[in-house]
C-alpha atoms as a PDB file:
ATOM      1  CA  UNK A   1      97.508  75.043  72.473  1.00  0.00           C
ATOM      2  CA  UNK A   2      95.449  78.243  72.685  1.00  0.00           C
ATOM      3  CA  UNK A   3      96.237  81.366  70.676  1.00  0.00           C
ATOM      4  CA  UNK A   4      97.130  83.253  73.844  1.00  0.00           C
ATOM      5  CA  UNK A   5      99.953  80.866  74.696  1.00  0.00           C
ATOM      6  CA  UNK A   6     101.682  81.237  71.321  1.00  0.00           C
ATOM      7  CA  UNK A   7     104.826  83.297  71.761  1.00  0.00           C
ATOM      8  CA  UNK A   8     105.477  85.649  68.862  1.00  0.00           C
ATOM      9  CA  UNK A   9     109.145  86.057  68.036  1.00  0.00           C
ATOM     10  CA  UNK A  10     111.055  88.719  66.142  1.00  0.00           C
ATOM     11  CA  UNK A  11     114.235  88.847  64.104  1.00  0.00           C
ATOM     12  CA  UNK A  12     116.950  91.316  65.039  1.00  0.00           C
ATOM     13  CA  UNK A  13     115.797  93.560  62.193  1.00  0.00           C
ATOM     14  CA  UNK A  14     112.236  93.555  63.557  1.00  0.00           C
ATOM     15  CA  UNK A  15     113.468  94.082  67.124  1.00  0.00           C
ATOM     16  CA  UNK A  16     115.540  97.055  65.962  1.00  0.00           C
ATOM     17  CA  UNK A  17     112.550  98.592  64.190  1.00  0.00           C
ATOM     18  CA  UNK A  18     110.243  98.054  67.159  1.00  0.00           C
ATOM     19  CA  UNK A  19     112.631  99.389  69.818  1.00  0.00           C
ATOM     20  CA  UNK A  20     114.322 102.176  67.878  1.00  0.00           C
ATOM     21  CA  UNK A  21     117.735 100.675  68.645  1.00  0.00           C
ATOM     22  CA  UNK A  22     119.954  99.749  65.690  1.00  0.00           C
ATOM     23  CA  UNK A  23     120.772  96.049  65.301  1.00  0.00           C
ATOM     24  CA  UNK A  24     124.435  96.851  65.984  1.00  0.00           C
ATOM     25  CA  UNK A  25     123.426  98.393  69.331  1.00  0.00           C
ATOM     26  CA  UNK A  26     121.301  95.356  70.205  1.00  0.00           C
ATOM     27  CA  UNK A  27     124.293  93.096  69.561  1.00  0.00           C
ATOM     28  CA  UNK A  28     126.591  95.472  71.490  1.00  0.00           C
ATOM     29  CA  UNK A  29     124.304  95.646  74.544  1.00  0.00           C
ATOM     30  CA  UNK A  30     124.170  91.859  74.569  1.00  0.00           C
ATOM     31  CA  UNK A  31     127.961  91.490  74.196  1.00  0.00           C
ATOM     32  CA  UNK A  32     128.751  93.821  77.123  1.00  0.00           C
ATOM     33  CA  UNK A  33     126.063  92.430  79.414  1.00  0.00           C
ATOM     34  CA  UNK A  34     123.548  95.277  79.440  1.00  0.00           C
ATOM     35  CA  UNK A  35     121.002  92.644  78.421  1.00  0.00           C
ATOM     36  CA  UNK A  36     121.240  88.905  78.893  1.00  0.00           C
ATOM     37  CA  UNK A  37     122.063  86.762  75.855  1.00  0.00           C
ATOM     38  CA  UNK A  38     119.163  86.486  73.442  1.00  0.00           C
ATOM     39  CA  UNK A  39     117.843  83.035  72.579  1.00  0.00           C
ATOM     40  CA  UNK A  40     118.994  81.691  69.206  1.00  0.00           C
ATOM     41  CA  UNK A  41     116.953  79.874  66.589  1.00  0.00           C
ATOM     42  CA  UNK A  42     117.493  76.092  66.639  1.00  0.00           C
ATOM     43  CA  UNK A  43     118.438  75.775  62.983  1.00  0.00           C
ATOM     44  CA  UNK A  44     119.470  79.272  61.909  1.00  0.00           C
ATOM     45  CA  UNK A  45     121.294  80.260  65.123  1.00  0.00           C
ATOM     46  CA  UNK A  46     119.986  83.810  64.529  1.00  0.00           C
ATOM     47  CA  UNK A  47     118.813  85.842  67.491  1.00  0.00           C
ATOM     48  CA  UNK A  48     115.129  85.333  68.264  1.00  0.00           C
ATOM     49  CA  UNK A  49     113.542  88.121  70.305  1.00  0.00           C
ATOM     50  CA  UNK A  50     110.393  87.604  72.380  1.00  0.00           C
ATOM     51  CA  UNK A  51     107.856  90.170  73.568  1.00  0.00           C
ATOM     52  CA  UNK A  52     109.610  90.118  76.955  1.00  0.00           C
ATOM     53  CA  UNK A  53     112.930  90.878  75.247  1.00  0.00           C
ATOM     54  CA  UNK A  54     111.303  93.787  73.412  1.00  0.00           C
ATOM     55  CA  UNK A  55     109.850  95.140  76.666  1.00  0.00           C
ATOM     56  CA  UNK A  56     113.303  95.071  78.236  1.00  0.00           C
ATOM     57  CA  UNK A  57     114.887  96.667  75.164  1.00  0.00           C
ATOM     58  CA  UNK A  58     112.278  99.427  75.239  1.00  0.00           C
ATOM     59  CA  UNK A  59     113.341 100.225  78.816  1.00  0.00           C
ATOM     60  CA  UNK A  60     116.993 100.151  77.748  1.00  0.00           C
ATOM     61  CA  UNK A  61     116.189 102.456  74.845  1.00  0.00           C
ATOM     62  CA  UNK A  62     114.468 104.894  77.202  1.00  0.00           C
ATOM     63  CA  UNK A  63     117.405 104.853  79.631  1.00  0.00           C
ATOM     64  CA  UNK A  64     119.795 105.369  76.734  1.00  0.00           C
ATOM     65  CA  UNK A  65     117.702 108.293  75.476  1.00  0.00           C
ATOM     66  CA  UNK A  66     118.220 110.010  78.838  1.00  0.00           C
ATOM     67  CA  UNK A  67     121.959 109.835  78.262  1.00  0.00           C
ATOM     68  CA  UNK A  68     122.503 107.266  81.011  1.00  0.00           C
ATOM     69  CA  UNK A  69     125.914 105.625  80.808  1.00  0.00           C
ATOM     70  CA  UNK A  70     126.200 102.013  79.747  1.00  0.00           C
ATOM     71  CA  UNK A  71     127.645 101.127  83.172  1.00  0.00           C
ATOM     72  CA  UNK A  72     124.654 102.698  84.936  1.00  0.00           C
ATOM     73  CA  UNK A  73     122.207 100.990  82.571  1.00  0.00           C
ATOM     74  CA  UNK A  74     123.883  97.666  83.307  1.00  0.00           C
ATOM     75  CA  UNK A  75     123.579  98.267  87.068  1.00  0.00           C
ATOM     76  CA  UNK A  76     119.983  99.442  86.760  1.00  0.00           C
ATOM     77  CA  UNK A  77     118.910  96.377  84.792  1.00  0.00           C
ATOM     78  CA  UNK A  78     120.822  93.980  87.064  1.00  0.00           C
ATOM     79  CA  UNK A  79     119.143  95.569  90.080  1.00  0.00           C
ATOM     80  CA  UNK A  80     115.703  95.187  88.503  1.00  0.00           C
ATOM     81  CA  UNK A  81     115.897  91.447  89.074  1.00  0.00           C
ATOM     82  CA  UNK A  82     116.294  92.066  92.824  1.00  0.00           C
ATOM     83  CA  UNK A  83     112.854  93.646  93.183  1.00  0.00           C
ATOM     84  CA  UNK A  84     112.079  95.941  96.122  1.00  0.00           C
ATOM     85  CA  UNK A  85     115.457  95.292  97.777  1.00  0.00           C
ATOM     86  CA  UNK A  86     117.075  97.221  94.921  1.00  0.00           C
ATOM     87  CA  UNK A  87     114.884 100.298  95.359  1.00  0.00           C
ATOM     88  CA  UNK A  88     117.462 102.430  97.232  1.00  0.00           C
ATOM     89  CA  UNK A  89     120.138 101.907  94.588  1.00  0.00           C
ATOM     90  CA  UNK A  90     117.641 102.343  91.731  1.00  0.00           C
ATOM     91  CA  UNK A  91     116.522 105.647  93.224  1.00  0.00           C
ATOM     92  CA  UNK A  92     120.150 106.713  93.630  1.00  0.00           C
ATOM     93  CA  UNK A  93     120.952 105.852  89.999  1.00  0.00           C
ATOM     94  CA  UNK A  94     117.900 107.683  88.712  1.00  0.00           C
ATOM     95  CA  UNK A  95     118.454 110.742  90.906  1.00  0.00           C
ATOM     96  CA  UNK A  96     122.047 110.986  89.677  1.00  0.00           C
ATOM     97  CA  UNK A  97     120.791 110.807  86.094  1.00  0.00           C
ATOM     98  CA  UNK A  98     118.138 113.408  86.872  1.00  0.00           C
ATOM     99  CA  UNK A  99     120.854 115.750  88.191  1.00  0.00           C
ATOM    100  CA  UNK A 100     122.954 115.236  85.047  1.00  0.00           C
ATOM    101  CA  UNK A 101     119.921 116.109  82.938  1.00  0.00           C
ATOM    102  CA  UNK A 102     119.246 119.211  85.045  1.00  0.00           C
ATOM    103  CA  UNK A 103     122.880 120.304  84.573  1.00  0.00           C
ATOM    104  CA  UNK A 104     122.527 119.740  80.839  1.00  0.00           C
ATOM    105  CA  UNK A 105     119.275 121.745  80.748  1.00  0.00           C
ATOM    106  CA  UNK A 106     120.940 124.649  82.569  1.00  0.00           C
ATOM    107  CA  UNK A 107     123.822 124.548  80.122  1.00  0.00           C
ATOM    108  CA  UNK A 108     121.479 124.537  77.131  1.00  0.00           C
ATOM    109  CA  UNK A 109     119.461 127.425  78.590  1.00  0.00           C
ATOM    110  CA  UNK A 110     122.682 129.418  79.026  1.00  0.00           C
ATOM    111  CA  UNK A 111     123.752 128.757  75.441  1.00  0.00           C
ATOM    112  CA  UNK A 112     120.298 129.696  74.158  1.00  0.00           C
ATOM    113  CA  UNK A 113     120.473 132.961  76.111  1.00  0.00           C
ATOM    114  CA  UNK A 114     123.890 133.715  74.597  1.00  0.00           C
ATOM    115  CA  UNK A 115     122.599 133.143  71.061  1.00  0.00           C
ATOM    116  CA  UNK A 116     119.551 135.330  71.760  1.00  0.00           C
ATOM    117  CA  UNK A 117     121.822 138.127  73.023  1.00  0.00           C
ATOM    118  CA  UNK A 118     123.958 137.892  69.907  1.00  0.00           C
ATOM    119  CA  UNK A 119     120.850 138.056  67.699  1.00  0.00           C
ATOM    120  CA  UNK A 120     119.678 141.128  69.613  1.00  0.00           C
ATOM    121  CA  UNK A 121     123.169 142.629  69.320  1.00  0.00           C
ATOM    122  CA  UNK A 122     123.240 142.229  65.559  1.00  0.00           C
ATOM    123  CA  UNK A 123     119.682 143.522  65.293  1.00  0.00           C
ATOM    124  CA  UNK A 124     120.773 146.653  67.210  1.00  0.00           C
ATOM    125  CA  UNK A 125     123.787 146.980  64.910  1.00  0.00           C
ATOM    126  CA  UNK A 126     121.522 146.693  61.864  1.00  0.00           C
ATOM    127  CA  UNK A 127     119.190 149.299  63.364  1.00  0.00           C
ATOM    128  CA  UNK A 128     122.103 151.658  64.049  1.00  0.00           C
ATOM    129  CA  UNK A 129     121.476 151.600  67.821  1.00  0.00           C
ATOM    130  CA  UNK A 130     125.065 151.780  69.110  1.00  0.00           C
ATOM    131  CA  UNK A 131     124.261 152.198  72.817  1.00  0.00           C
ATOM    132  CA  UNK A 132     121.943 149.177  72.814  1.00  0.00           C
ATOM    133  CA  UNK A 133     124.490 147.134  70.857  1.00  0.00           C
ATOM    134  CA  UNK A 134     127.186 148.042  73.399  1.00  0.00           C
ATOM    135  CA  UNK A 135     124.949 147.090  76.328  1.00  0.00           C
ATOM    136  CA  UNK A 136     124.074 143.755  74.670  1.00  0.00           C
ATOM    137  CA  UNK A 137     127.735 143.130  73.913  1.00  0.00           C
ATOM    138  CA  UNK A 138     128.582 143.638  77.606  1.00  0.00           C
ATOM    139  CA  UNK A 139     125.828 141.202  78.610  1.00  0.00           C
ATOM    140  CA  UNK A 140     127.064 138.656  76.083  1.00  0.00           C
ATOM    141  CA  UNK A 141     130.635 139.038  77.370  1.00  0.00           C
ATOM    142  CA  UNK A 142     129.474 138.318  80.936  1.00  0.00           C
ATOM    143  CA  UNK A 143     127.454 135.348  79.737  1.00  0.00           C
ATOM    144  CA  UNK A 144     130.442 134.103  77.732  1.00  0.00           C
ATOM    145  CA  UNK A 145     132.416 133.901  80.976  1.00  0.00           C
ATOM    146  CA  UNK A 146     129.691 131.633  82.387  1.00  0.00           C
ATOM    147  CA  UNK A 147     129.757 129.522  79.238  1.00  0.00           C
ATOM    148  CA  UNK A 148     133.501 128.921  79.641  1.00  0.00           C
ATOM    149  CA  UNK A 149     133.091 127.529  83.153  1.00  0.00           C
ATOM    150  CA  UNK A 150     133.315 123.757  83.390  1.00  0.00           C
ATOM    151  CA  UNK A 151     129.960 122.033  83.781  1.00  0.00           C
ATOM    152  CA  UNK A 152     128.769 120.866  87.203  1.00  0.00           C
ATOM    153  CA  UNK A 153     129.893 124.054  88.943  1.00  0.00           C
END
């Protein structure tokens, strides 16, 4: 047997360290079907991860980092096995996630703007610039109304 055909395996602790996913999350993803059941050691019955498993878990970790729901991750990974036939649904899933991230970015930008206005307001107060403080307070009040609106509007 050549060295290239030897399959390196990893414990759950090693898999967690290499993928950035806690062992509890690895077990959870397996239990709810995000990933297929991991092979078990013949004598120990402990999970034995392969390089292919780690590749898949890296993709799962990346999808999770985008905030994708578990249900969407499950669909995405199930579709992956279908190859090109799954492309339309994969694109749809990813575009929906992209839109959620864009909504989140807009919301964060709005909150950052509000904080910046409040900093400027308090700086004007410290400087004794009442008119500027009043103008900034009005801007912050208008922005606060936007912040109170439900997301996705």
